[in-house]
Amino acid sequence: MEGYVTGICFLAFFYRSVLVFPMGILCAVLYCQWKRTRLCEKRKEILQQQFRDWINAAASHLQSGSSVENAFVHAGRELTLLYGEETDIRREIRGMEHLLANNIPLEKILLELGDRSQAEDIRNFAEVFAIGKRSGGNLREMIENCCGIIGMKAEVEREIQTLLHGKVMEQKVMCFIPFGIISYISITSPGYFQPLYHNPAGVCMMSICLLCYLFSVWLSARIVHIEV
């Protein structure tokens, strides 16, 4: 419903016709897909942050002499105090404990977690961990190095987000300025935009404007979105 209402209001600015009501269904579908993508990205970011805390806690347990499997299990249980029981990372850890009890290798569990979550940090750590486990390397040192690299990456991401915060707000404001201008002129000068509506030439012109606006919004969003 939210996507449909948003689409109707959006199209009404460009066409001012009852024909926008059927078109609102398409807007609702596209809005739902966009919203689902944003929610998935947000959930992935939260999972990566929780995973960083998990391996940092596991590295601390390794320093105290725990085995690798026990270090990950104990570190995962400690996350309950930090994030609560019903979080993505805790559900994954409970599944890991069950799989470890059935003699499934830890490296295989982490690789499956990386593939399932599609999170870059988790996938990279799992691959490095699997190689280190198979080659018989120093897992404690390897995990500590990975924690350091992932931590530096997270710090760089936070610094970039801080620097871009003002630009992101400007980008969002600029997206609404065209609607403010159209509304202001429509109120102060009724009939000014009338030649652009309810005729083929006007519909074509407004369609071109709509496409240019959507492209500008997409381009501005791509410019302020920087991945590390």
C-alpha atoms as a PDB file:
ATOM      1  CA  MET A   1       0.000   0.000   0.000  1.00  0.00           C
ATOM      2  CA  GLU A   2       2.837   2.378   0.849  1.00  0.00           C
ATOM      3  CA  GLY A   3       4.452   1.777  -2.540  1.00  0.00           C
ATOM      4  CA  TYR A   4       1.138   2.248  -4.371  1.00  0.00           C
ATOM      5  CA  VAL A   5       0.352   5.563  -2.655  1.00  0.00           C
ATOM      6  CA  THR A   6       3.912   6.786  -3.214  1.00  0.00           C
ATOM      7  CA  GLY A   7       3.726   5.834  -6.891  1.00  0.00           C
ATOM      8  CA  ILE A   8       0.364   7.579  -7.363  1.00  0.00           C
ATOM      9  CA  CYS A   9       1.616  10.794  -5.763  1.00  0.00           C
ATOM     10  CA  PHE A  10       4.814  10.605  -7.804  1.00  0.00           C
ATOM     11  CA  LEU A  11       3.048  10.077 -11.153  1.00  0.00           C
ATOM     12  CA  ALA A  12       0.391  12.689 -10.380  1.00  0.00           C
ATOM     13  CA  PHE A  13       3.059  15.375 -10.521  1.00  0.00           C
ATOM     14  CA  PHE A  14       4.008  14.358 -14.043  1.00  0.00           C
ATOM     15  CA  TYR A  15       0.685  13.393 -15.644  1.00  0.00           C
ATOM     16  CA  ARG A  16      -2.293  14.571 -13.536  1.00  0.00           C
ATOM     17  CA  SER A  17      -4.580  11.931 -15.006  1.00  0.00           C
ATOM     18  CA  VAL A  18      -6.688   9.049 -13.711  1.00  0.00           C
ATOM     19  CA  LEU A  19      -4.535   6.787 -15.887  1.00  0.00           C
ATOM     20  CA  VAL A  20      -1.834   6.978 -13.223  1.00  0.00           C
ATOM     21  CA  PHE A  21      -3.881   4.747 -10.910  1.00  0.00           C
ATOM     22  CA  PRO A  22      -3.205   1.540 -12.928  1.00  0.00           C
ATOM     23  CA  MET A  23       0.409   2.663 -13.370  1.00  0.00           C
ATOM     24  CA  GLY A  24       0.636   2.914  -9.591  1.00  0.00           C
ATOM     25  CA  ILE A  25       0.551  -0.892  -9.427  1.00  0.00           C
ATOM     26  CA  LEU A  26       3.816  -1.049 -11.380  1.00  0.00           C
ATOM     27  CA  CYS A  27       5.306   1.589  -9.084  1.00  0.00           C
ATOM     28  CA  ALA A  28       4.213  -0.462  -6.069  1.00  0.00           C
ATOM     29  CA  VAL A  29       5.946  -3.579  -7.450  1.00  0.00           C
ATOM     30  CA  LEU A  30       9.152  -1.662  -8.194  1.00  0.00           C
ATOM     31  CA  TYR A  31       9.015   0.036  -4.786  1.00  0.00           C
ATOM     32  CA  CYS A  32       8.630  -3.304  -3.004  1.00  0.00           C
ATOM     33  CA  GLN A  33      11.600  -4.734  -4.892  1.00  0.00           C
ATOM     34  CA  TRP A  34      13.704  -1.671  -4.033  1.00  0.00           C
ATOM     35  CA  LYS A  35      12.605  -1.830  -0.386  1.00  0.00           C
ATOM     36  CA  ARG A  36      13.417  -5.552  -0.206  1.00  0.00           C
ATOM     37  CA  THR A  37      16.883  -4.915  -1.654  1.00  0.00           C
ATOM     38  CA  ARG A  38      17.576  -2.136   0.856  1.00  0.00           C
ATOM     39  CA  LEU A  39      16.413  -4.294   3.762  1.00  0.00           C
ATOM     40  CA  CYS A  40      18.632  -7.171   2.587  1.00  0.00           C
ATOM     41  CA  GLU A  41      21.627  -4.847   2.348  1.00  0.00           C
ATOM     42  CA  LYS A  42      20.941  -3.470   5.819  1.00  0.00           C
ATOM     43  CA  ARG A  43      20.558  -6.947   7.252  1.00  0.00           C
ATOM     44  CA  LYS A  44      23.819  -7.996   5.602  1.00  0.00           C
ATOM     45  CA  GLU A  45      25.644  -4.987   7.100  1.00  0.00           C
ATOM     46  CA  ILE A  46      24.342  -5.840  10.576  1.00  0.00           C
ATOM     47  CA  LEU A  47      25.346  -9.490  10.162  1.00  0.00           C
ATOM     48  CA  GLN A  48      28.864  -8.492   9.098  1.00  0.00           C
ATOM     49  CA  GLN A  49      29.225  -6.260  12.148  1.00  0.00           C
ATOM     50  CA  GLN A  50      28.045  -9.064  14.417  1.00  0.00           C
ATOM     51  CA  PHE A  51      30.436 -11.481  12.679  1.00  0.00           C
ATOM     52  CA  ARG A  52      33.366  -9.109  13.295  1.00  0.00           C
ATOM     53  CA  ASP A  53      32.547  -9.072  17.000  1.00  0.00           C
ATOM     54  CA  TRP A  54      32.262 -12.859  16.936  1.00  0.00           C
ATOM     55  CA  ILE A  55      35.711 -13.520  15.473  1.00  0.00           C
ATOM     56  CA  ASN A  56      37.254 -10.850  17.723  1.00  0.00           C
ATOM     57  CA  ALA A  57      35.842 -12.665  20.749  1.00  0.00           C
ATOM     58  CA  ALA A  58      37.008 -15.993  19.287  1.00  0.00           C
ATOM     59  CA  ALA A  59      40.537 -14.599  18.904  1.00  0.00           C
ATOM     60  CA  SER A  60      40.519 -13.671  22.606  1.00  0.00           C
ATOM     61  CA  HIS A  61      39.532 -17.219  23.555  1.00  0.00           C
ATOM     62  CA  LEU A  62      42.279 -18.633  21.345  1.00  0.00           C
ATOM     63  CA  GLN A  63      44.834 -16.541  23.217  1.00  0.00           C
ATOM     64  CA  SER A  64      43.667 -18.141  26.462  1.00  0.00           C
ATOM     65  CA  GLY A  65      44.422 -21.608  25.066  1.00  0.00           C
ATOM     66  CA  SER A  66      41.012 -22.820  23.841  1.00  0.00           C
ATOM     67  CA  SER A  67      40.736 -24.982  20.762  1.00  0.00           C
ATOM     68  CA  VAL A  68      39.456 -23.325  17.593  1.00  0.00           C
ATOM     69  CA  GLU A  69      36.008 -24.951  17.741  1.00  0.00           C
ATOM     70  CA  ASN A  70      35.547 -24.195  21.449  1.00  0.00           C
ATOM     71  CA  ALA A  71      36.756 -20.623  20.930  1.00  0.00           C
ATOM     72  CA  PHE A  72      34.062 -19.987  18.310  1.00  0.00           C
ATOM     73  CA  VAL A  73      31.365 -21.674  20.396  1.00  0.00           C
ATOM     74  CA  HIS A  74      32.185 -19.755  23.603  1.00  0.00           C
ATOM     75  CA  ALA A  75      32.550 -16.480  21.686  1.00  0.00           C
ATOM     76  CA  GLY A  76      29.186 -17.063  20.057  1.00  0.00           C
ATOM     77  CA  ARG A  77      27.488 -17.583  23.395  1.00  0.00           C
ATOM     78  CA  GLU A  78      28.978 -14.340  24.687  1.00  0.00           C
ATOM     79  CA  LEU A  79      27.267 -12.481  21.862  1.00  0.00           C
ATOM     80  CA  THR A  80      23.925 -13.241  23.518  1.00  0.00           C
ATOM     81  CA  LEU A  81      24.748 -10.616  26.142  1.00  0.00           C
ATOM     82  CA  LEU A  82      25.598  -8.104  23.417  1.00  0.00           C
ATOM     83  CA  TYR A  83      22.892  -8.678  20.803  1.00  0.00           C
ATOM     84  CA  GLY A  84      20.303 -10.915  22.438  1.00  0.00           C
ATOM     85  CA  GLU A  85      19.196 -14.408  21.554  1.00  0.00           C
ATOM     86  CA  GLU A  86      16.941 -13.748  18.546  1.00  0.00           C
ATOM     87  CA  THR A  87      19.459 -12.260  16.115  1.00  0.00           C
ATOM     88  CA  ASP A  88      20.817 -13.558  12.829  1.00  0.00           C
ATOM     89  CA  ILE A  89      24.269 -14.262  14.203  1.00  0.00           C
ATOM     90  CA  ARG A  90      22.910 -16.178  17.188  1.00  0.00           C
ATOM     91  CA  ARG A  91      20.736 -18.325  14.944  1.00  0.00           C
ATOM     92  CA  GLU A  92      23.781 -19.076  12.811  1.00  0.00           C
ATOM     93  CA  ILE A  93      25.848 -19.906  15.900  1.00  0.00           C
ATOM     94  CA  ARG A  94      23.188 -22.263  17.245  1.00  0.00           C
ATOM     95  CA  GLY A  95      23.182 -24.022  13.883  1.00  0.00           C
ATOM     96  CA  MET A  96      26.988 -24.189  14.006  1.00  0.00           C
ATOM     97  CA  GLU A  97      26.916 -25.794  17.441  1.00  0.00           C
ATOM     98  CA  HIS A  98      24.502 -28.429  16.177  1.00  0.00           C
ATOM     99  CA  LEU A  99      26.666 -29.144  13.117  1.00  0.00           C
ATOM    100  CA  LEU A 100      29.856 -29.325  15.194  1.00  0.00           C
ATOM    101  CA  ALA A 101      28.141 -31.859  17.457  1.00  0.00           C
ATOM    102  CA  ASN A 102      27.601 -33.952  14.318  1.00  0.00           C
ATOM    103  CA  ASN A 103      31.308 -33.758  13.391  1.00  0.00           C
ATOM    104  CA  ILE A 104      30.892 -31.231  10.553  1.00  0.00           C
ATOM    105  CA  PRO A 105      34.196 -29.334  10.089  1.00  0.00           C
ATOM    106  CA  LEU A 106      34.160 -25.720  11.248  1.00  0.00           C
ATOM    107  CA  GLU A 107      35.690 -24.479   7.997  1.00  0.00           C
ATOM    108  CA  LYS A 108      32.840 -26.032   6.004  1.00  0.00           C
ATOM    109  CA  ILE A 109      30.269 -24.371   8.290  1.00  0.00           C
ATOM    110  CA  LEU A 110      31.899 -20.964   7.843  1.00  0.00           C
ATOM    111  CA  LEU A 111      32.118 -21.401   4.066  1.00  0.00           C
ATOM    112  CA  GLU A 112      28.419 -22.241   3.917  1.00  0.00           C
ATOM    113  CA  LEU A 113      27.648 -19.192   6.061  1.00  0.00           C
ATOM    114  CA  GLY A 114      29.613 -16.993   3.674  1.00  0.00           C
ATOM    115  CA  ASP A 115      27.831 -18.397   0.624  1.00  0.00           C
ATOM    116  CA  ARG A 116      24.413 -18.141   2.250  1.00  0.00           C
ATOM    117  CA  SER A 117      24.829 -14.599   3.561  1.00  0.00           C
ATOM    118  CA  GLN A 118      26.664 -13.259   0.479  1.00  0.00           C
ATOM    119  CA  ALA A 119      28.593 -11.033   2.887  1.00  0.00           C
ATOM    120  CA  GLU A 120      32.073 -10.226   1.594  1.00  0.00           C
ATOM    121  CA  ASP A 121      33.834 -10.129   4.977  1.00  0.00           C
ATOM    122  CA  ILE A 122      32.360 -13.467   6.054  1.00  0.00           C
ATOM    123  CA  ARG A 123      33.137 -15.133   2.746  1.00  0.00           C
ATOM    124  CA  ASN A 124      36.738 -13.889   2.675  1.00  0.00           C
ATOM    125  CA  PHE A 125      37.368 -14.930   6.272  1.00  0.00           C
ATOM    126  CA  ALA A 126      35.877 -18.360   5.668  1.00  0.00           C
ATOM    127  CA  GLU A 127      38.094 -18.933   2.626  1.00  0.00           C
ATOM    128  CA  VAL A 128      41.244 -17.834   4.455  1.00  0.00           C
ATOM    129  CA  PHE A 129      40.293 -19.914   7.499  1.00  0.00           C
ATOM    130  CA  ALA A 130      39.684 -23.008   5.354  1.00  0.00           C
ATOM    131  CA  ILE A 131      43.062 -22.640   3.617  1.00  0.00           C
ATOM    132  CA  GLY A 132      44.834 -22.131   6.951  1.00  0.00           C
ATOM    133  CA  LYS A 133      43.090 -25.145   8.499  1.00  0.00           C
ATOM    134  CA  ARG A 134      43.986 -27.431   5.595  1.00  0.00           C
ATOM    135  CA  SER A 135      47.598 -26.248   5.407  1.00  0.00           C
ATOM    136  CA  GLY A 136      48.130 -26.618   9.159  1.00  0.00           C
ATOM    137  CA  GLY A 137      49.061 -22.962   9.667  1.00  0.00           C
ATOM    138  CA  ASN A 138      48.969 -20.947  12.868  1.00  0.00           C
ATOM    139  CA  LEU A 139      45.226 -20.410  13.155  1.00  0.00           C
ATOM    140  CA  ARG A 140      45.461 -18.064  16.115  1.00  0.00           C
ATOM    141  CA  GLU A 141      47.810 -15.716  14.285  1.00  0.00           C
ATOM    142  CA  MET A 142      45.750 -16.014  11.108  1.00  0.00           C
ATOM    143  CA  ILE A 143      42.512 -15.121  12.905  1.00  0.00           C
ATOM    144  CA  GLU A 144      44.164 -12.184  14.674  1.00  0.00           C
ATOM    145  CA  ASN A 145      45.472 -10.878  11.331  1.00  0.00           C
ATOM    146  CA  CYS A 146      42.028 -11.255   9.770  1.00  0.00           C
ATOM    147  CA  CYS A 147      40.459  -9.416  12.696  1.00  0.00           C
ATOM    148  CA  GLY A 148      42.919  -6.581  12.214  1.00  0.00           C
ATOM    149  CA  ILE A 149      42.243  -6.317   8.479  1.00  0.00           C
ATOM    150  CA  ILE A 150      38.468  -6.511   8.876  1.00  0.00           C
ATOM    151  CA  GLY A 151      38.628  -3.943  11.679  1.00  0.00           C
ATOM    152  CA  MET A 152      40.635  -1.521   9.514  1.00  0.00           C
ATOM    153  CA  LYS A 153      38.170  -1.988   6.685  1.00  0.00           C
ATOM    154  CA  ALA A 154      35.253  -1.245   9.017  1.00  0.00           C
ATOM    155  CA  GLU A 155      37.043   1.882  10.267  1.00  0.00           C
ATOM    156  CA  VAL A 156      37.597   3.099   6.701  1.00  0.00           C
ATOM    157  CA  GLU A 157      33.918   2.496   5.932  1.00  0.00           C
ATOM    158  CA  ARG A 158      32.872   4.532   8.977  1.00  0.00           C
ATOM    159  CA  GLU A 159      35.190   7.393   8.010  1.00  0.00           C
ATOM    160  CA  ILE A 160      33.807   7.399   4.457  1.00  0.00           C
ATOM    161  CA  GLN A 161      30.234   7.407   5.737  1.00  0.00           C
ATOM    162  CA  THR A 162      31.076  10.296   8.067  1.00  0.00           C
ATOM    163  CA  LEU A 163      32.626  12.309   5.245  1.00  0.00           C
ATOM    164  CA  LEU A 164      29.714  11.575   2.917  1.00  0.00           C
ATOM    165  CA  HIS A 165      26.959  12.161   5.455  1.00  0.00           C
ATOM    166  CA  GLY A 166      26.467  15.781   4.413  1.00  0.00           C
ATOM    167  CA  LYS A 167      26.530  14.912   0.709  1.00  0.00           C
ATOM    168  CA  VAL A 168      24.009  12.125   1.224  1.00  0.00           C
ATOM    169  CA  MET A 169      21.633  14.542   2.930  1.00  0.00           C
ATOM    170  CA  GLU A 170      22.119  17.027   0.082  1.00  0.00           C
ATOM    171  CA  GLN A 171      21.374  14.292  -2.435  1.00  0.00           C
ATOM    172  CA  LYS A 172      18.124  13.412  -0.674  1.00  0.00           C
ATOM    173  CA  VAL A 173      17.061  17.057  -0.494  1.00  0.00           C
ATOM    174  CA  MET A 174      17.867  17.594  -4.177  1.00  0.00           C
ATOM    175  CA  CYS A 175      15.602  14.679  -5.083  1.00  0.00           C
ATOM    176  CA  PHE A 176      12.609  16.555  -3.630  1.00  0.00           C
ATOM    177  CA  ILE A 177      13.421  20.020  -4.989  1.00  0.00           C
ATOM    178  CA  PRO A 178      11.717  19.468  -8.403  1.00  0.00           C
ATOM    179  CA  PHE A 179       8.456  18.585  -6.639  1.00  0.00           C
ATOM    180  CA  GLY A 180       8.739  21.671  -4.468  1.00  0.00           C
ATOM    181  CA  ILE A 181       9.278  23.902  -7.511  1.00  0.00           C
ATOM    182  CA  ILE A 182       6.342  22.389  -9.410  1.00  0.00           C
ATOM    183  CA  SER A 183       4.073  22.696  -6.378  1.00  0.00           C
ATOM    184  CA  TYR A 184       5.086  26.295  -5.736  1.00  0.00           C
ATOM    185  CA  ILE A 185       4.517  27.407  -9.338  1.00  0.00           C
ATOM    186  CA  SER A 186       1.255  25.462  -9.550  1.00  0.00           C
ATOM    187  CA  ILE A 187      -0.060  27.251  -6.446  1.00  0.00           C
ATOM    188  CA  THR A 188       1.183  30.744  -7.261  1.00  0.00           C
ATOM    189  CA  SER A 189       0.500  30.588 -11.030  1.00  0.00           C
ATOM    190  CA  PRO A 190      -2.453  28.281 -11.718  1.00  0.00           C
ATOM    191  CA  GLY A 191      -2.545  27.070 -15.284  1.00  0.00           C
ATOM    192  CA  TYR A 192       1.168  27.678 -15.921  1.00  0.00           C
ATOM    193  CA  PHE A 193       1.838  23.986 -16.514  1.00  0.00           C
ATOM    194  CA  GLN A 194      -1.529  23.264 -18.142  1.00  0.00           C
ATOM    195  CA  PRO A 195      -0.075  22.916 -21.706  1.00  0.00           C
ATOM    196  CA  LEU A 196       2.033  19.990 -20.445  1.00  0.00           C
ATOM    197  CA  TYR A 197      -0.961  17.874 -19.432  1.00  0.00           C
ATOM    198  CA  HIS A 198      -3.794  16.064 -21.207  1.00  0.00           C
ATOM    199  CA  ASN A 199      -2.293  16.270 -24.698  1.00  0.00           C
ATOM    200  CA  PRO A 200       0.119  13.953 -26.592  1.00  0.00           C
ATOM    201  CA  ALA A 201       2.944  16.485 -26.879  1.00  0.00           C
ATOM    202  CA  GLY A 202       2.755  17.342 -23.186  1.00  0.00           C
ATOM    203  CA  VAL A 203       2.645  13.674 -22.141  1.00  0.00           C
ATOM    204  CA  CYS A 204       5.749  12.963 -24.257  1.00  0.00           C
ATOM    205  CA  MET A 205       7.584  15.944 -22.770  1.00  0.00           C
ATOM    206  CA  MET A 206       6.692  14.979 -19.188  1.00  0.00           C
ATOM    207  CA  SER A 207       7.684  11.369 -19.870  1.00  0.00           C
ATOM    208  CA  ILE A 208      11.105  12.564 -21.005  1.00  0.00           C
ATOM    209  CA  CYS A 209      11.358  14.712 -17.878  1.00  0.00           C
ATOM    210  CA  LEU A 210      10.379  11.719 -15.741  1.00  0.00           C
ATOM    211  CA  LEU A 211      13.069   9.533 -17.322  1.00  0.00           C
ATOM    212  CA  CYS A 212      15.680  12.279 -16.886  1.00  0.00           C
ATOM    213  CA  TYR A 213      14.667  12.694 -13.241  1.00  0.00           C
ATOM    214  CA  LEU A 214      14.861   8.960 -12.524  1.00  0.00           C
ATOM    215  CA  PHE A 215      18.269   8.743 -14.211  1.00  0.00           C
ATOM    216  CA  SER A 216      19.508  11.710 -12.158  1.00  0.00           C
ATOM    217  CA  VAL A 217      18.307  10.130  -8.917  1.00  0.00           C
ATOM    218  CA  TRP A 218      19.969   6.818  -9.815  1.00  0.00           C
ATOM    219  CA  LEU A 219      23.222   8.535 -10.800  1.00  0.00           C
ATOM    220  CA  SER A 220      23.357  10.662  -7.646  1.00  0.00           C
ATOM    221  CA  ALA A 221      22.733   7.578  -5.490  1.00  0.00           C
ATOM    222  CA  ARG A 222      25.574   5.749  -7.251  1.00  0.00           C
ATOM    223  CA  ILE A 223      27.941   8.690  -6.722  1.00  0.00           C
ATOM    224  CA  VAL A 224      27.431   8.838  -2.943  1.00  0.00           C
ATOM    225  CA  HIS A 225      27.526   5.030  -2.574  1.00  0.00           C
ATOM    226  CA  ILE A 226      31.161   4.013  -2.111  1.00  0.00           C
ATOM    227  CA  GLU A 227      32.098   0.418  -1.360  1.00  0.00           C
ATOM    228  CA  VAL A 228      35.365  -0.488   0.343  1.00  0.00           C
END
